[in-house]
């Protein structure tokens, strides 16, 4: 599934401006799994939906750990987070933004490879 067309992607400088942090800090947030993104046309971009106000969605990190520990690679974890999920009625990232962390993580754990 290619969710790229359905998602607003923002560049590292845009994230820096929005969060008021340096590019190095944005890259650290990616390395530490608070944010996830991908290169497109040679530029690393992050889905805007992973930000809530002036910070990353807090629940993303733990959910990413569950997915990656369960056998997902970063691309498949990103696709899963951003794609519509039947049981949730929305994308997992939207459910996390709405405070449905337990439900999202339970589903993520059931998908372990």
PDB file of N, CA and C in Angstrom:
ATOM      1  N   UNK A   1       0.852  -1.183   0.000  1.00  0.00           N
ATOM      2  CA  UNK A   1       0.000   0.000   0.000  1.00  0.00           C
ATOM      3  C   UNK A   1       0.893   1.240   0.000  1.00  0.00           C
ATOM      4  N   UNK A   2       0.562   2.200  -0.845  1.00  0.00           N
ATOM      5  CA  UNK A   2       1.326   3.445  -0.858  1.00  0.00           C
ATOM      6  C   UNK A   2       0.456   4.556  -0.300  1.00  0.00           C
ATOM      7  N   UNK A   3       0.780   4.995   0.891  1.00  0.00           N
ATOM      8  CA  UNK A   3      -0.007   6.020   1.570  1.00  0.00           C
ATOM      9  C   UNK A   3       0.522   7.422   1.287  1.00  0.00           C
ATOM     10  N   UNK A   4       1.585   7.520   0.506  1.00  0.00           N
ATOM     11  CA  UNK A   4       2.259   8.804   0.297  1.00  0.00           C
ATOM     12  C   UNK A   4       1.326   9.900  -0.185  1.00  0.00           C
ATOM     13  N   UNK A   5       0.414   9.571  -1.077  1.00  0.00           N
ATOM     14  CA  UNK A   5      -0.471  10.593  -1.646  1.00  0.00           C
ATOM     15  C   UNK A   5      -1.508  11.074  -0.627  1.00  0.00           C
ATOM     16  N   UNK A   6      -1.804  10.256   0.367  1.00  0.00           N
ATOM     17  CA  UNK A   6      -2.850  10.583   1.337  1.00  0.00           C
ATOM     18  C   UNK A   6      -2.319  11.332   2.557  1.00  0.00           C
ATOM     19  N   UNK A   7      -1.008  11.484   2.646  1.00  0.00           N
ATOM     20  CA  UNK A   7      -0.379  12.031   3.846  1.00  0.00           C
ATOM     21  C   UNK A   7       0.336  13.333   3.504  1.00  0.00           C
ATOM     22  N   UNK A   8       0.274  14.303   4.417  1.00  0.00           N
ATOM     23  CA  UNK A   8       1.058  15.521   4.269  1.00  0.00           C
ATOM     24  C   UNK A   8       2.425  15.269   4.877  1.00  0.00           C
ATOM     25  N   UNK A   9       3.458  15.366   4.037  1.00  0.00           N
ATOM     26  CA  UNK A   9       4.838  15.122   4.461  1.00  0.00           C
ATOM     27  C   UNK A   9       5.538  16.450   4.630  1.00  0.00           C
ATOM     28  N   UNK A  10       6.319  16.589   5.706  1.00  0.00           N
ATOM     29  CA  UNK A  10       7.055  17.835   5.933  1.00  0.00           C
ATOM     30  C   UNK A  10       8.542  17.527   6.083  1.00  0.00           C
ATOM     31  N   UNK A  11       9.364  18.472   5.693  1.00  0.00           N
ATOM     32  CA  UNK A  11      10.808  18.296   5.718  1.00  0.00           C
ATOM     33  C   UNK A  11      11.363  18.550   7.119  1.00  0.00           C
ATOM     34  N   UNK A  12      12.610  18.159   7.313  1.00  0.00           N
ATOM     35  CA  UNK A  12      13.272  18.384   8.601  1.00  0.00           C
ATOM     36  C   UNK A  12      13.279  19.872   8.965  1.00  0.00           C
ATOM     37  N   UNK A  13      13.616  20.798   8.031  1.00  0.00           N
ATOM     38  CA  UNK A  13      13.546  22.217   8.396  1.00  0.00           C
ATOM     39  C   UNK A  13      12.145  22.651   8.851  1.00  0.00           C
ATOM     40  N   UNK A  14      11.104  22.086   8.220  1.00  0.00           N
ATOM     41  CA  UNK A  14       9.729  22.402   8.643  1.00  0.00           C
ATOM     42  C   UNK A  14       9.463  21.894  10.058  1.00  0.00           C
ATOM     43  N   UNK A  15       9.959  20.693  10.366  1.00  0.00           N
ATOM     44  CA  UNK A  15       9.797  20.130  11.710  1.00  0.00           C
ATOM     45  C   UNK A  15      10.551  20.997  12.722  1.00  0.00           C
ATOM     46  N   UNK A  16      11.766  21.418  12.337  1.00  0.00           N
ATOM     47  CA  UNK A  16      12.564  22.289  13.216  1.00  0.00           C
ATOM     48  C   UNK A  16      11.785  23.554  13.571  1.00  0.00           C
ATOM     49  N   UNK A  17      11.210  24.162  12.559  1.00  0.00           N
ATOM     50  CA  UNK A  17      10.459  25.404  12.774  1.00  0.00           C
ATOM     51  C   UNK A  17       9.246  25.151  13.652  1.00  0.00           C
ATOM     52  N   UNK A  18       8.539  24.088  13.370  1.00  0.00           N
ATOM     53  CA  UNK A  18       7.309  23.789  14.112  1.00  0.00           C
ATOM     54  C   UNK A  18       7.594  23.464  15.576  1.00  0.00           C
ATOM     55  N   UNK A  19       8.682  22.714  15.829  1.00  0.00           N
ATOM     56  CA  UNK A  19       8.985  22.294  17.198  1.00  0.00           C
ATOM     57  C   UNK A  19       9.968  23.217  17.909  1.00  0.00           C
ATOM     58  N   UNK A  20      10.576  24.127  17.148  1.00  0.00           N
ATOM     59  CA  UNK A  20      11.536  25.046  17.748  1.00  0.00           C
ATOM     60  C   UNK A  20      12.814  24.357  18.185  1.00  0.00           C
ATOM     61  N   UNK A  21      13.277  23.395  17.378  1.00  0.00           N
ATOM     62  CA  UNK A  21      14.486  22.647  17.709  1.00  0.00           C
ATOM     63  C   UNK A  21      15.429  22.622  16.504  1.00  0.00           C
ATOM     64  N   UNK A  22      16.648  22.135  16.718  1.00  0.00           N
ATOM     65  CA  UNK A  22      17.661  22.068  15.664  1.00  0.00           C
ATOM     66  C   UNK A  22      17.463  20.827  14.791  1.00  0.00           C
ATOM     67  N   UNK A  23      18.055  20.828  13.589  1.00  0.00           N
ATOM     68  CA  UNK A  23      18.000  19.627  12.742  1.00  0.00           C
ATOM     69  C   UNK A  23      18.597  18.407  13.444  1.00  0.00           C
ATOM     70  N   UNK A  24      19.674  18.617  14.211  1.00  0.00           N
ATOM     71  CA  UNK A  24      20.275  17.506  14.949  1.00  0.00           C
ATOM     72  C   UNK A  24      19.299  16.870  15.924  1.00  0.00           C
ATOM     73  N   UNK A  25      18.514  17.687  16.586  1.00  0.00           N
ATOM     74  CA  UNK A  25      17.517  17.177  17.538  1.00  0.00           C
ATOM     75  C   UNK A  25      16.408  16.414  16.803  1.00  0.00           C
ATOM     76  N   UNK A  26      16.010  16.906  15.623  1.00  0.00           N
ATOM     77  CA  UNK A  26      14.994  16.185  14.836  1.00  0.00           C
ATOM     78  C   UNK A  26      15.531  14.802  14.463  1.00  0.00           C
ATOM     79  N   UNK A  27      16.768  14.746  14.005  1.00  0.00           N
ATOM     80  CA  UNK A  27      17.364  13.457  13.638  1.00  0.00           C
ATOM     81  C   UNK A  27      17.488  12.535  14.850  1.00  0.00           C
ATOM     82  N   UNK A  28      17.763  13.095  16.020  1.00  0.00           N
ATOM     83  CA  UNK A  28      17.802  12.297  17.257  1.00  0.00           C
ATOM     84  C   UNK A  28      16.420  11.741  17.572  1.00  0.00           C
ATOM     85  N   UNK A  29      15.384  12.552  17.377  1.00  0.00           N
ATOM     86  CA  UNK A  29      14.015  12.072  17.611  1.00  0.00           C
ATOM     87  C   UNK A  29      13.679  10.912  16.678  1.00  0.00           C
ATOM     88  N   UNK A  30      14.190  10.958  15.460  1.00  0.00           N
ATOM     89  CA  UNK A  30      13.983   9.856  14.512  1.00  0.00           C
ATOM     90  C   UNK A  30      14.775   8.626  14.979  1.00  0.00           C
ATOM     91  N   UNK A  31      16.032   8.815  15.322  1.00  0.00           N
ATOM     92  CA  UNK A  31      16.872   7.700  15.790  1.00  0.00           C
ATOM     93  C   UNK A  31      16.288   7.036  17.033  1.00  0.00           C
ATOM     94  N   UNK A  32      15.698   7.834  17.911  1.00  0.00           N
ATOM     95  CA  UNK A  32      15.150   7.312  19.166  1.00  0.00           C
ATOM     96  C   UNK A  32      13.699   6.862  19.028  1.00  0.00           C
ATOM     97  N   UNK A  33      13.189   6.887  17.794  1.00  0.00           N
ATOM     98  CA  UNK A  33      11.844   6.370  17.447  1.00  0.00           C
ATOM     99  C   UNK A  33      10.679   7.223  17.961  1.00  0.00           C
ATOM    100  N   UNK A  34      10.924   8.497  18.211  1.00  0.00           N
ATOM    101  CA  UNK A  34       9.819   9.390  18.551  1.00  0.00           C
ATOM    102  C   UNK A  34       9.130   9.871  17.281  1.00  0.00           C
ATOM    103  N   UNK A  35       9.875   9.864  16.178  1.00  0.00           N
ATOM    104  CA  UNK A  35       9.359  10.232  14.860  1.00  0.00           C
ATOM    105  C   UNK A  35       9.838   9.188  13.863  1.00  0.00           C
ATOM    106  N   UNK A  36       9.134   9.083  12.759  1.00  0.00           N
ATOM    107  CA  UNK A  36       9.520   8.170  11.693  1.00  0.00           C
ATOM    108  C   UNK A  36       9.245   8.870  10.378  1.00  0.00           C
ATOM    109  N   UNK A  37      10.076   8.640   9.413  1.00  0.00           N
ATOM    110  CA  UNK A  37       9.882   9.259   8.112  1.00  0.00           C
ATOM    111  C   UNK A  37      10.540   8.436   7.035  1.00  0.00           C
ATOM    112  N   UNK A  38      10.636   9.025   5.838  1.00  0.00           N
ATOM    113  CA  UNK A  38      11.277   8.350   4.722  1.00  0.00           C
ATOM    114  C   UNK A  38      11.781   9.369   3.726  1.00  0.00           C
ATOM    115  N   UNK A  39      12.745   8.930   2.916  1.00  0.00           N
ATOM    116  CA  UNK A  39      13.259   9.799   1.860  1.00  0.00           C
ATOM    117  C   UNK A  39      12.321   9.746   0.666  1.00  0.00           C
ATOM    118  N   UNK A  40      12.067  10.914   0.114  1.00  0.00           N
ATOM    119  CA  UNK A  40      11.267  11.037  -1.093  1.00  0.00           C
ATOM    120  C   UNK A  40      11.933  12.084  -1.965  1.00  0.00           C
ATOM    121  N   UNK A  41      12.272  11.694  -3.181  1.00  0.00           N
ATOM    122  CA  UNK A  41      12.960  12.593  -4.098  1.00  0.00           C
ATOM    123  C   UNK A  41      14.231  13.155  -3.457  1.00  0.00           C
ATOM    124  N   UNK A  42      14.936  12.319  -2.708  1.00  0.00           N
ATOM    125  CA  UNK A  42      16.200  12.700  -2.101  1.00  0.00           C
ATOM    126  C   UNK A  42      16.110  13.531  -0.831  1.00  0.00           C
ATOM    127  N   UNK A  43      14.888  13.782  -0.361  1.00  0.00           N
ATOM    128  CA  UNK A  43      14.694  14.612   0.831  1.00  0.00           C
ATOM    129  C   UNK A  43      13.981  13.783   1.899  1.00  0.00           C
ATOM    130  N   UNK A  44      14.533  13.777   3.122  1.00  0.00           N
ATOM    131  CA  UNK A  44      13.892  13.066   4.221  1.00  0.00           C
ATOM    132  C   UNK A  44      12.671  13.858   4.679  1.00  0.00           C
ATOM    133  N   UNK A  45      11.544  13.169   4.772  1.00  0.00           N
ATOM    134  CA  UNK A  45      10.284  13.811   5.173  1.00  0.00           C
ATOM    135  C   UNK A  45       9.608  12.994   6.267  1.00  0.00           C
ATOM    136  N   UNK A  46       8.852  13.706   7.075  1.00  0.00           N
ATOM    137  CA  UNK A  46       8.133  13.111   8.202  1.00  0.00           C
ATOM    138  C   UNK A  46       6.650  13.415   8.015  1.00  0.00           C
ATOM    139  N   UNK A  47       5.784  12.436   8.263  1.00  0.00           N
ATOM    140  CA  UNK A  47       4.348  12.709   8.160  1.00  0.00           C
ATOM    141  C   UNK A  47       3.934  13.755   9.205  1.00  0.00           C
ATOM    142  N   UNK A  48       3.262  14.776   8.757  1.00  0.00           N
ATOM    143  CA  UNK A  48       2.851  15.844   9.668  1.00  0.00           C
ATOM    144  C   UNK A  48       1.962  15.318  10.791  1.00  0.00           C
ATOM    145  N   UNK A  49       1.206  14.280  10.521  1.00  0.00           N
ATOM    146  CA  UNK A  49       0.296  13.715  11.514  1.00  0.00           C
ATOM    147  C   UNK A  49       1.040  13.130  12.720  1.00  0.00           C
ATOM    148  N   UNK A  50       2.358  12.961  12.609  1.00  0.00           N
ATOM    149  CA  UNK A  50       3.142  12.482  13.751  1.00  0.00           C
ATOM    150  C   UNK A  50       3.454  13.594  14.746  1.00  0.00           C
ATOM    151  N   UNK A  51       3.078  14.806  14.394  1.00  0.00           N
ATOM    152  CA  UNK A  51       3.257  15.947  15.299  1.00  0.00           C
ATOM    153  C   UNK A  51       1.897  16.363  15.829  1.00  0.00           C
ATOM    154  N   UNK A  52       1.873  16.727  17.077  1.00  0.00           N
ATOM    155  CA  UNK A  52       0.642  17.221  17.689  1.00  0.00           C
ATOM    156  C   UNK A  52       1.016  18.491  18.434  1.00  0.00           C
ATOM    157  N   UNK A  53       0.542  19.617  17.908  1.00  0.00           N
ATOM    158  CA  UNK A  53       0.951  20.892  18.473  1.00  0.00           C
ATOM    159  C   UNK A  53       2.424  21.104  18.189  1.00  0.00           C
ATOM    160  N   UNK A  54       3.191  21.390  19.236  1.00  0.00           N
ATOM    161  CA  UNK A  54       4.617  21.643  19.042  1.00  0.00           C
ATOM    162  C   UNK A  54       5.493  20.509  19.582  1.00  0.00           C
ATOM    163  N   UNK A  55       5.002  19.274  19.476  1.00  0.00           N
ATOM    164  CA  UNK A  55       5.797  18.117  19.891  1.00  0.00           C
ATOM    165  C   UNK A  55       5.352  16.867  19.134  1.00  0.00           C
ATOM    166  N   UNK A  56       6.198  15.839  19.129  1.00  0.00           N
ATOM    167  CA  UNK A  56       5.793  14.570  18.509  1.00  0.00           C
ATOM    168  C   UNK A  56       4.639  13.947  19.292  1.00  0.00           C
ATOM    169  N   UNK A  57       3.825  13.152  18.614  1.00  0.00           N
ATOM    170  CA  UNK A  57       2.775  12.393  19.301  1.00  0.00           C
ATOM    171  C   UNK A  57       3.488  11.428  20.251  1.00  0.00           C
ATOM    172  N   UNK A  58       3.245  11.575  21.537  1.00  0.00           N
ATOM    173  CA  UNK A  58       3.989  10.824  22.562  1.00  0.00           C
ATOM    174  C   UNK A  58       3.898   9.304  22.401  1.00  0.00           C
ATOM    175  N   UNK A  59       2.762   8.820  21.999  1.00  0.00           N
ATOM    176  CA  UNK A  59       2.517   7.379  21.950  1.00  0.00           C
ATOM    177  C   UNK A  59       3.169   6.685  20.770  1.00  0.00           C
ATOM    178  N   UNK A  60       3.740   7.447  19.826  1.00  0.00           N
ATOM    179  CA  UNK A  60       4.355   6.839  18.645  1.00  0.00           C
ATOM    180  C   UNK A  60       5.539   5.967  19.036  1.00  0.00           C
ATOM    181  N   UNK A  61       6.392   6.443  19.927  1.00  0.00           N
ATOM    182  CA  UNK A  61       7.624   5.721  20.258  1.00  0.00           C
ATOM    183  C   UNK A  61       7.342   4.302  20.745  1.00  0.00           C
ATOM    184  N   UNK A  62       6.511   4.148  21.720  1.00  0.00           N
ATOM    185  CA  UNK A  62       6.219   2.814  22.250  1.00  0.00           C
ATOM    186  C   UNK A  62       5.570   1.910  21.221  1.00  0.00           C
ATOM    187  N   UNK A  63       4.723   2.493  20.394  1.00  0.00           N
ATOM    188  CA  UNK A  63       4.060   1.713  19.354  1.00  0.00           C
ATOM    189  C   UNK A  63       5.077   1.257  18.308  1.00  0.00           C
ATOM    190  N   UNK A  64       6.005   2.140  17.951  1.00  0.00           N
ATOM    191  CA  UNK A  64       7.062   1.758  17.008  1.00  0.00           C
ATOM    192  C   UNK A  64       7.934   0.644  17.575  1.00  0.00           C
ATOM    193  N   UNK A  65       8.242   0.720  18.847  1.00  0.00           N
ATOM    194  CA  UNK A  65       9.047  -0.325  19.481  1.00  0.00           C
ATOM    195  C   UNK A  65       8.325  -1.667  19.378  1.00  0.00           C
ATOM    196  N   UNK A  66       7.020  -1.677  19.639  1.00  0.00           N
ATOM    197  CA  UNK A  66       6.234  -2.913  19.534  1.00  0.00           C
ATOM    198  C   UNK A  66       6.295  -3.453  18.107  1.00  0.00           C
ATOM    199  N   UNK A  67       6.097  -2.579  17.122  1.00  0.00           N
ATOM    200  CA  UNK A  67       6.101  -3.020  15.724  1.00  0.00           C
ATOM    201  C   UNK A  67       7.474  -3.521  15.290  1.00  0.00           C
ATOM    202  N   UNK A  68       8.517  -2.769  15.601  1.00  0.00           N
ATOM    203  CA  UNK A  68       9.863  -3.154  15.183  1.00  0.00           C
ATOM    204  C   UNK A  68      10.331  -4.422  15.896  1.00  0.00           C
ATOM    205  N   UNK A  69      10.016  -4.547  17.181  1.00  0.00           N
ATOM    206  CA  UNK A  69      10.350  -5.768  17.918  1.00  0.00           C
ATOM    207  C   UNK A  69       9.556  -6.963  17.385  1.00  0.00           C
ATOM    208  N   UNK A  70       8.397  -6.675  16.803  1.00  0.00           N
ATOM    209  CA  UNK A  70       7.537  -7.729  16.272  1.00  0.00           C
ATOM    210  C   UNK A  70       7.891  -8.156  14.856  1.00  0.00           C
ATOM    211  N   UNK A  71       8.955  -7.568  14.296  1.00  0.00           N
ATOM    212  CA  UNK A  71       9.400  -8.014  12.981  1.00  0.00           C
ATOM    213  C   UNK A  71       9.158  -7.046  11.840  1.00  0.00           C
ATOM    214  N   UNK A  72       8.493  -5.930  12.107  1.00  0.00           N
ATOM    215  CA  UNK A  72       8.277  -4.936  11.070  1.00  0.00           C
ATOM    216  C   UNK A  72       9.587  -4.211  10.776  1.00  0.00           C
ATOM    217  N   UNK A  73       9.797  -3.792   9.526  1.00  0.00           N
ATOM    218  CA  UNK A  73      10.890  -2.876   9.247  1.00  0.00           C
ATOM    219  C   UNK A  73      10.308  -1.461   9.311  1.00  0.00           C
ATOM    220  N   UNK A  74      11.144  -0.447   9.194  1.00  0.00           N
ATOM    221  CA  UNK A  74      10.661   0.927   9.358  1.00  0.00           C
ATOM    222  C   UNK A  74       9.603   1.298   8.329  1.00  0.00           C
ATOM    223  N   UNK A  75       9.803   0.890   7.069  1.00  0.00           N
ATOM    224  CA  UNK A  75       8.822   1.226   6.031  1.00  0.00           C
ATOM    225  C   UNK A  75       7.467   0.574   6.299  1.00  0.00           C
ATOM    226  N   UNK A  76       7.477  -0.713   6.664  1.00  0.00           N
ATOM    227  CA  UNK A  76       6.196  -1.382   6.914  1.00  0.00           C
ATOM    228  C   UNK A  76       5.532  -0.827   8.175  1.00  0.00           C
ATOM    229  N   UNK A  77       6.316  -0.451   9.178  1.00  0.00           N
ATOM    230  CA  UNK A  77       5.743   0.162  10.384  1.00  0.00           C
ATOM    231  C   UNK A  77       5.103   1.504  10.043  1.00  0.00           C
ATOM    232  N   UNK A  78       5.777   2.284   9.199  1.00  0.00           N
ATOM    233  CA  UNK A  78       5.233   3.572   8.786  1.00  0.00           C
ATOM    234  C   UNK A  78       3.944   3.388   7.997  1.00  0.00           C
ATOM    235  N   UNK A  79       3.947   2.440   7.077  1.00  0.00           N
ATOM    236  CA  UNK A  79       2.742   2.148   6.287  1.00  0.00           C
ATOM    237  C   UNK A  79       1.589   1.745   7.211  1.00  0.00           C
ATOM    238  N   UNK A  80       1.894   0.887   8.194  1.00  0.00           N
ATOM    239  CA  UNK A  80       0.844   0.427   9.101  1.00  0.00           C
ATOM    240  C   UNK A  80       0.292   1.582   9.935  1.00  0.00           C
ATOM    241  N   UNK A  81       1.175   2.413  10.459  1.00  0.00           N
ATOM    242  CA  UNK A  81       0.732   3.542  11.283  1.00  0.00           C
ATOM    243  C   UNK A  81      -0.151   4.520  10.506  1.00  0.00           C
ATOM    244  N   UNK A  82       0.160   4.716   9.231  1.00  0.00           N
ATOM    245  CA  UNK A  82      -0.539   5.734   8.446  1.00  0.00           C
ATOM    246  C   UNK A  82      -1.735   5.206   7.673  1.00  0.00           C
ATOM    247  N   UNK A  83      -1.794   3.896   7.481  1.00  0.00           N
ATOM    248  CA  UNK A  83      -2.892   3.317   6.702  1.00  0.00           C
ATOM    249  C   UNK A  83      -4.152   3.122   7.533  1.00  0.00           C
ATOM    250  N   UNK A  84      -5.288   3.053   6.855  1.00  0.00           N
ATOM    251  CA  UNK A  84      -6.570   2.817   7.532  1.00  0.00           C
ATOM    252  C   UNK A  84      -6.580   1.401   8.112  1.00  0.00           C
ATOM    253  N   UNK A  85      -7.086   1.254   9.314  1.00  0.00           N
ATOM    254  CA  UNK A  85      -7.187  -0.059   9.945  1.00  0.00           C
ATOM    255  C   UNK A  85      -8.649  -0.325  10.274  1.00  0.00           C
ATOM    256  N   UNK A  86      -9.158  -1.437   9.764  1.00  0.00           N
ATOM    257  CA  UNK A  86     -10.571  -1.780   9.914  1.00  0.00           C
ATOM    258  C   UNK A  86     -11.031  -1.806  11.362  1.00  0.00           C
ATOM    259  N   UNK A  87     -10.273  -2.457  12.244  1.00  0.00           N
ATOM    260  CA  UNK A  87     -10.693  -2.579  13.640  1.00  0.00           C
ATOM    261  C   UNK A  87     -10.740  -1.241  14.366  1.00  0.00           C
ATOM    262  N   UNK A  88      -9.893  -0.316  13.947  1.00  0.00           N
ATOM    263  CA  UNK A  88      -9.848   0.999  14.586  1.00  0.00           C
ATOM    264  C   UNK A  88     -10.826   1.985  13.959  1.00  0.00           C
ATOM    265  N   UNK A  89     -11.147   1.746  12.688  1.00  0.00           N
ATOM    266  CA  UNK A  89     -12.028   2.670  11.968  1.00  0.00           C
ATOM    267  C   UNK A  89     -11.284   3.892  11.431  1.00  0.00           C
ATOM    268  N   UNK A  90     -10.023   4.019  11.789  1.00  0.00           N
ATOM    269  CA  UNK A  90      -9.153   5.118  11.346  1.00  0.00           C
ATOM    270  C   UNK A  90      -7.736   4.547  11.234  1.00  0.00           C
ATOM    271  N   UNK A  91      -6.797   5.389  10.878  1.00  0.00           N
ATOM    272  CA  UNK A  91      -5.402   4.932  10.867  1.00  0.00           C
ATOM    273  C   UNK A  91      -4.913   4.800  12.311  1.00  0.00           C
ATOM    274  N   UNK A  92      -3.959   3.906  12.561  1.00  0.00           N
ATOM    275  CA  UNK A  92      -3.410   3.795  13.913  1.00  0.00           C
ATOM    276  C   UNK A  92      -2.856   5.121  14.445  1.00  0.00           C
ATOM    277  N   UNK A  93      -2.212   5.930  13.600  1.00  0.00           N
ATOM    278  CA  UNK A  93      -1.688   7.210  14.092  1.00  0.00           C
ATOM    279  C   UNK A  93      -2.827   8.125  14.539  1.00  0.00           C
ATOM    280  N   UNK A  94      -3.933   8.116  13.817  1.00  0.00           N
ATOM    281  CA  UNK A  94      -5.087   8.931  14.230  1.00  0.00           C
ATOM    282  C   UNK A  94      -5.661   8.411  15.548  1.00  0.00           C
ATOM    283  N   UNK A  95      -5.691   7.093  15.711  1.00  0.00           N
ATOM    284  CA  UNK A  95      -6.170   6.518  16.973  1.00  0.00           C
ATOM    285  C   UNK A  95      -5.234   6.902  18.121  1.00  0.00           C
ATOM    286  N   UNK A  96      -3.921   6.888  17.877  1.00  0.00           N
ATOM    287  CA  UNK A  96      -2.971   7.314  18.919  1.00  0.00           C
ATOM    288  C   UNK A  96      -3.196   8.776  19.280  1.00  0.00           C
ATOM    289  N   UNK A  97      -3.403   9.606  18.275  1.00  0.00           N
ATOM    290  CA  UNK A  97      -3.643  11.031  18.517  1.00  0.00           C
ATOM    291  C   UNK A  97      -4.919  11.248  19.336  1.00  0.00           C
ATOM    292  N   UNK A  98      -5.856  10.314  19.219  1.00  0.00           N
ATOM    293  CA  UNK A  98      -7.125  10.421  19.941  1.00  0.00           C
ATOM    294  C   UNK A  98      -7.067   9.768  21.320  1.00  0.00           C
ATOM    295  N   UNK A  99      -5.870   9.283  21.721  1.00  0.00           N
ATOM    296  CA  UNK A  99      -5.734   8.703  23.060  1.00  0.00           C
ATOM    297  C   UNK A  99      -6.068   7.233  23.154  1.00  0.00           C
ATOM    298  N   UNK A 100      -6.054   6.513  22.035  1.00  0.00           N
ATOM    299  CA  UNK A 100      -6.417   5.091  22.022  1.00  0.00           C
ATOM    300  C   UNK A 100      -5.171   4.193  21.989  1.00  0.00           C
ATOM    301  N   UNK A 101      -4.175   4.553  22.780  1.00  0.00           N
ATOM    302  CA  UNK A 101      -2.876   3.862  22.782  1.00  0.00           C
ATOM    303  C   UNK A 101      -3.013   2.365  23.062  1.00  0.00           C
ATOM    304  N   UNK A 102      -3.742   1.979  24.072  1.00  0.00           N
ATOM    305  CA  UNK A 102      -3.849   0.578  24.464  1.00  0.00           C
ATOM    306  C   UNK A 102      -4.421  -0.261  23.333  1.00  0.00           C
ATOM    307  N   UNK A 103      -5.461   0.224  22.703  1.00  0.00           N
ATOM    308  CA  UNK A 103      -6.098  -0.493  21.598  1.00  0.00           C
ATOM    309  C   UNK A 103      -5.135  -0.649  20.414  1.00  0.00           C
ATOM    310  N   UNK A 104      -4.429   0.419  20.087  1.00  0.00           N
ATOM    311  CA  UNK A 104      -3.481   0.383  18.966  1.00  0.00           C
ATOM    312  C   UNK A 104      -2.352  -0.597  19.271  1.00  0.00           C
ATOM    313  N   UNK A 105      -1.804  -0.542  20.448  1.00  0.00           N
ATOM    314  CA  UNK A 105      -0.679  -1.421  20.790  1.00  0.00           C
ATOM    315  C   UNK A 105      -1.111  -2.879  20.882  1.00  0.00           C
ATOM    316  N   UNK A 106      -2.333  -3.126  21.310  1.00  0.00           N
ATOM    317  CA  UNK A 106      -2.832  -4.505  21.364  1.00  0.00           C
ATOM    318  C   UNK A 106      -2.880  -5.080  19.948  1.00  0.00           C
ATOM    319  N   UNK A 107      -3.360  -4.287  19.010  1.00  0.00           N
ATOM    320  CA  UNK A 107      -3.417  -4.739  17.613  1.00  0.00           C
ATOM    321  C   UNK A 107      -1.999  -4.920  17.068  1.00  0.00           C
ATOM    322  N   UNK A 108      -1.111  -3.964  17.365  1.00  0.00           N
ATOM    323  CA  UNK A 108       0.269  -4.065  16.899  1.00  0.00           C
ATOM    324  C   UNK A 108       0.936  -5.336  17.420  1.00  0.00           C
ATOM    325  N   UNK A 109       0.702  -5.676  18.678  1.00  0.00           N
ATOM    326  CA  UNK A 109       1.298  -6.879  19.264  1.00  0.00           C
ATOM    327  C   UNK A 109       0.762  -8.136  18.577  1.00  0.00           C
ATOM    328  N   UNK A 110      -0.496  -8.107  18.173  1.00  0.00           N
ATOM    329  CA  UNK A 110      -1.082  -9.291  17.523  1.00  0.00           C
ATOM    330  C   UNK A 110      -0.515  -9.509  16.122  1.00  0.00           C
ATOM    331  N   UNK A 111       0.147  -8.484  15.562  1.00  0.00           N
ATOM    332  CA  UNK A 111       0.707  -8.590  14.219  1.00  0.00           C
ATOM    333  C   UNK A 111       2.153  -9.050  14.202  1.00  0.00           C
ATOM    334  N   UNK A 112       2.732  -9.310  15.354  1.00  0.00           N
ATOM    335  CA  UNK A 112       4.142  -9.716  15.433  1.00  0.00           C
ATOM    336  C   UNK A 112       4.402 -10.896  14.517  1.00  0.00           C
ATOM    337  N   UNK A 113       5.484 -10.809  13.775  1.00  0.00           N
ATOM    338  CA  UNK A 113       5.821 -11.856  12.803  1.00  0.00           C
ATOM    339  C   UNK A 113       6.547 -13.021  13.448  1.00  0.00           C
TER     340      UNK A 113
END
